[in-house]
Amino acid sequence: MQFTIKSPAIDKLRTQCLILPVHAGRLSATGEVVDGRLDKALTAALKSGDLARKAGSTLLLRGGAGIARVVLV
């Protein structure tokens, strides 16, 4: 298996799966940029309580705008 690590501009990123951290129910600055690209879908999921507020919780969401899926951790 081969992995590639790149650091493209987040507003131009295209990927099959993006993993974003959530701290105390809030997105990071990078998460906010991605959320804007996804029409605030990440914020809506967090506000609705779809991601449990305990360590190790994850939520897989369908993306868009060049990001197929997003995993919130």
N, C-alpha and C. Protein backbone atom coordinates (compact mmCIF):
# COMPACT_ATOMS: atom_id res chain seq x y z
N MET A 1 0.85 -1.16 0.00
CA MET A 1 0.00 0.00 0.00
C MET A 1 0.90 1.23 0.00
N GLN A 2 0.49 2.21 -0.76
CA GLN A 2 1.29 3.43 -0.86
C GLN A 2 0.44 4.63 -0.45
N PHE A 3 1.02 5.50 0.37
CA PHE A 3 0.35 6.71 0.82
C PHE A 3 1.11 7.92 0.30
N THR A 4 0.37 8.96 -0.01
CA THR A 4 0.98 10.21 -0.45
C THR A 4 0.46 11.33 0.44
N ILE A 5 1.36 12.15 0.93
CA ILE A 5 0.97 13.29 1.75
C ILE A 5 1.29 14.56 0.98
N LYS A 6 0.28 15.42 0.83
CA LYS A 6 0.44 16.69 0.13
C LYS A 6 -0.17 17.79 0.99
N SER A 7 0.21 19.00 0.73
CA SER A 7 -0.34 20.15 1.45
C SER A 7 -0.90 21.18 0.48
N PRO A 8 -1.96 20.84 -0.25
CA PRO A 8 -2.54 21.82 -1.17
C PRO A 8 -3.37 22.86 -0.40
N ALA A 9 -3.71 23.92 -1.06
CA ALA A 9 -4.60 24.92 -0.45
C ALA A 9 -5.94 24.25 -0.19
N ILE A 10 -6.45 24.39 1.03
CA ILE A 10 -7.67 23.68 1.42
C ILE A 10 -8.87 24.09 0.57
N ASP A 11 -8.89 25.32 0.07
CA ASP A 11 -10.03 25.74 -0.74
C ASP A 11 -10.01 25.14 -2.14
N LYS A 12 -8.90 24.47 -2.53
CA LYS A 12 -8.82 23.84 -3.84
C LYS A 12 -8.67 22.32 -3.74
N LEU A 13 -8.66 21.81 -2.52
CA LEU A 13 -8.44 20.39 -2.26
C LEU A 13 -9.50 19.52 -2.92
N ARG A 14 -9.06 18.43 -3.56
CA ARG A 14 -9.96 17.42 -4.11
C ARG A 14 -9.49 16.08 -3.55
N THR A 15 -10.41 15.34 -2.91
CA THR A 15 -10.03 14.07 -2.29
C THR A 15 -11.24 13.16 -2.14
N GLN A 16 -10.97 11.88 -1.97
CA GLN A 16 -12.04 10.91 -1.76
C GLN A 16 -12.53 10.91 -0.31
N CYS A 17 -11.63 11.22 0.62
CA CYS A 17 -12.01 11.25 2.03
C CYS A 17 -11.13 12.23 2.79
N LEU A 18 -11.74 13.12 3.53
CA LEU A 18 -11.03 14.11 4.33
C LEU A 18 -11.39 13.89 5.80
N ILE A 19 -10.39 13.81 6.67
CA ILE A 19 -10.62 13.62 8.09
C ILE A 19 -10.37 14.95 8.79
N LEU A 20 -11.38 15.40 9.53
CA LEU A 20 -11.29 16.70 10.22
C LEU A 20 -11.51 16.52 11.72
N PRO A 21 -10.69 17.17 12.54
CA PRO A 21 -10.89 17.11 14.00
C PRO A 21 -12.01 18.06 14.44
N VAL A 22 -12.69 17.64 15.49
CA VAL A 22 -13.70 18.48 16.14
C VAL A 22 -13.33 18.54 17.62
N HIS A 23 -13.20 19.74 18.16
CA HIS A 23 -12.85 19.92 19.56
C HIS A 23 -13.99 20.65 20.26
N ALA A 24 -14.52 20.01 21.29
CA ALA A 24 -15.62 20.60 22.08
C ALA A 24 -16.77 21.04 21.19
N GLY A 25 -17.08 20.23 20.17
CA GLY A 25 -18.21 20.52 19.29
C GLY A 25 -17.94 21.60 18.27
N ARG A 26 -16.67 22.00 18.10
CA ARG A 26 -16.34 23.08 17.16
C ARG A 26 -15.32 22.61 16.14
N LEU A 27 -15.46 23.12 14.92
CA LEU A 27 -14.52 22.83 13.85
C LEU A 27 -13.27 23.70 13.97
N SER A 28 -12.17 23.20 13.45
CA SER A 28 -10.94 23.99 13.38
C SER A 28 -11.08 25.04 12.28
N ALA A 29 -10.09 25.89 12.12
CA ALA A 29 -10.12 26.89 11.05
C ALA A 29 -10.19 26.21 9.68
N THR A 30 -9.45 25.13 9.52
CA THR A 30 -9.50 24.37 8.26
C THR A 30 -10.89 23.78 8.07
N GLY A 31 -11.46 23.27 9.14
CA GLY A 31 -12.81 22.71 9.08
C GLY A 31 -13.84 23.75 8.66
N GLU A 32 -13.66 24.98 9.13
CA GLU A 32 -14.57 26.07 8.75
C GLU A 32 -14.51 26.34 7.25
N VAL A 33 -13.30 26.29 6.67
CA VAL A 33 -13.16 26.51 5.22
C VAL A 33 -13.87 25.39 4.46
N VAL A 34 -13.65 24.16 4.89
CA VAL A 34 -14.30 23.01 4.23
C VAL A 34 -15.81 23.12 4.40
N ASP A 35 -16.27 23.51 5.57
CA ASP A 35 -17.70 23.67 5.84
C ASP A 35 -18.33 24.68 4.88
N GLY A 36 -17.62 25.75 4.61
CA GLY A 36 -18.11 26.75 3.65
C GLY A 36 -18.26 26.15 2.25
N ARG A 37 -17.30 25.32 1.86
CA ARG A 37 -17.38 24.66 0.55
C ARG A 37 -18.56 23.69 0.47
N LEU A 38 -18.96 23.16 1.62
CA LEU A 38 -20.04 22.16 1.67
C LEU A 38 -21.36 22.78 2.13
N ASP A 39 -21.52 24.06 1.94
CA ASP A 39 -22.76 24.78 2.29
C ASP A 39 -23.19 24.56 3.74
N LYS A 40 -22.20 24.60 4.65
CA LYS A 40 -22.44 24.50 6.10
C LYS A 40 -23.02 23.16 6.54
N ALA A 41 -22.79 22.10 5.76
CA ALA A 41 -23.29 20.77 6.11
C ALA A 41 -22.64 20.25 7.39
N LEU A 42 -21.37 20.58 7.61
CA LEU A 42 -20.68 20.11 8.81
C LEU A 42 -21.25 20.79 10.06
N THR A 43 -21.47 22.08 9.97
CA THR A 43 -22.07 22.81 11.08
C THR A 43 -23.46 22.26 11.40
N ALA A 44 -24.24 21.98 10.38
CA ALA A 44 -25.59 21.43 10.58
C ALA A 44 -25.53 20.08 11.29
N ALA A 45 -24.59 19.23 10.90
CA ALA A 45 -24.45 17.91 11.53
C ALA A 45 -24.05 18.06 13.00
N LEU A 46 -23.15 18.98 13.29
CA LEU A 46 -22.73 19.19 14.68
C LEU A 46 -23.86 19.76 15.52
N LYS A 47 -24.60 20.72 14.98
CA LYS A 47 -25.71 21.33 15.73
C LYS A 47 -26.83 20.34 16.00
N SER A 48 -27.03 19.39 15.10
CA SER A 48 -28.11 18.41 15.27
C SER A 48 -27.74 17.31 16.25
N GLY A 49 -26.48 17.28 16.68
CA GLY A 49 -26.06 16.26 17.63
C GLY A 49 -25.68 14.94 17.00
N ASP A 50 -25.43 14.93 15.71
CA ASP A 50 -25.08 13.69 15.02
C ASP A 50 -23.73 13.12 15.46
N LEU A 51 -22.84 13.96 15.97
CA LEU A 51 -21.55 13.50 16.47
C LEU A 51 -21.57 13.56 17.99
N ALA A 52 -21.40 12.39 18.62
CA ALA A 52 -21.39 12.33 20.08
C ALA A 52 -20.21 13.14 20.62
N ARG A 53 -20.40 13.77 21.75
CA ARG A 53 -19.33 14.61 22.34
C ARG A 53 -18.48 13.81 23.32
N LYS A 54 -17.97 12.67 22.87
CA LYS A 54 -17.04 11.91 23.70
C LYS A 54 -15.86 11.47 22.85
N ALA A 55 -14.73 11.29 23.49
CA ALA A 55 -13.49 10.93 22.80
C ALA A 55 -13.69 9.68 21.96
N GLY A 56 -13.16 9.70 20.75
CA GLY A 56 -13.23 8.55 19.86
C GLY A 56 -14.47 8.50 18.98
N SER A 57 -15.38 9.43 19.15
CA SER A 57 -16.59 9.45 18.32
C SER A 57 -16.23 9.89 16.91
N THR A 58 -16.89 9.29 15.93
CA THR A 58 -16.68 9.66 14.53
C THR A 58 -18.01 9.79 13.82
N LEU A 59 -18.01 10.55 12.75
CA LEU A 59 -19.20 10.71 11.92
C LEU A 59 -18.76 10.82 10.47
N LEU A 60 -19.28 9.95 9.62
CA LEU A 60 -18.98 9.97 8.19
C LEU A 60 -20.10 10.69 7.47
N LEU A 61 -19.74 11.70 6.68
CA LEU A 61 -20.72 12.48 5.92
C LEU A 61 -20.36 12.46 4.44
N ARG A 62 -21.36 12.49 3.60
CA ARG A 62 -21.13 12.68 2.16
C ARG A 62 -20.71 14.12 1.95
N GLY A 63 -19.80 14.32 1.05
CA GLY A 63 -19.29 15.66 0.79
C GLY A 63 -19.86 16.27 -0.47
N GLY A 64 -19.02 16.91 -1.20
CA GLY A 64 -19.36 17.61 -2.43
C GLY A 64 -18.22 18.56 -2.75
N ALA A 65 -18.31 19.29 -3.81
CA ALA A 65 -17.31 20.30 -4.17
C ALA A 65 -15.90 19.72 -4.21
N GLY A 66 -15.76 18.51 -4.76
CA GLY A 66 -14.44 17.89 -4.88
C GLY A 66 -14.01 17.06 -3.68
N ILE A 67 -14.82 17.02 -2.64
CA ILE A 67 -14.53 16.21 -1.45
C ILE A 67 -15.64 15.18 -1.33
N ALA A 68 -15.32 13.91 -1.64
CA ALA A 68 -16.36 12.88 -1.70
C ALA A 68 -16.98 12.58 -0.33
N ARG A 69 -16.13 12.45 0.70
CA ARG A 69 -16.60 12.13 2.04
C ARG A 69 -15.79 12.92 3.05
N VAL A 70 -16.43 13.16 4.21
CA VAL A 70 -15.75 13.84 5.31
C VAL A 70 -15.99 13.01 6.57
N VAL A 71 -14.91 12.74 7.30
CA VAL A 71 -15.02 12.06 8.60
C VAL A 71 -14.70 13.08 9.67
N LEU A 72 -15.65 13.31 10.55
CA LEU A 72 -15.43 14.19 11.70
C LEU A 72 -15.01 13.32 12.88
N VAL A 73 -13.96 13.73 13.56
CA VAL A 73 -13.42 12.96 14.69
C VAL A 73 -13.28 13.87 15.88
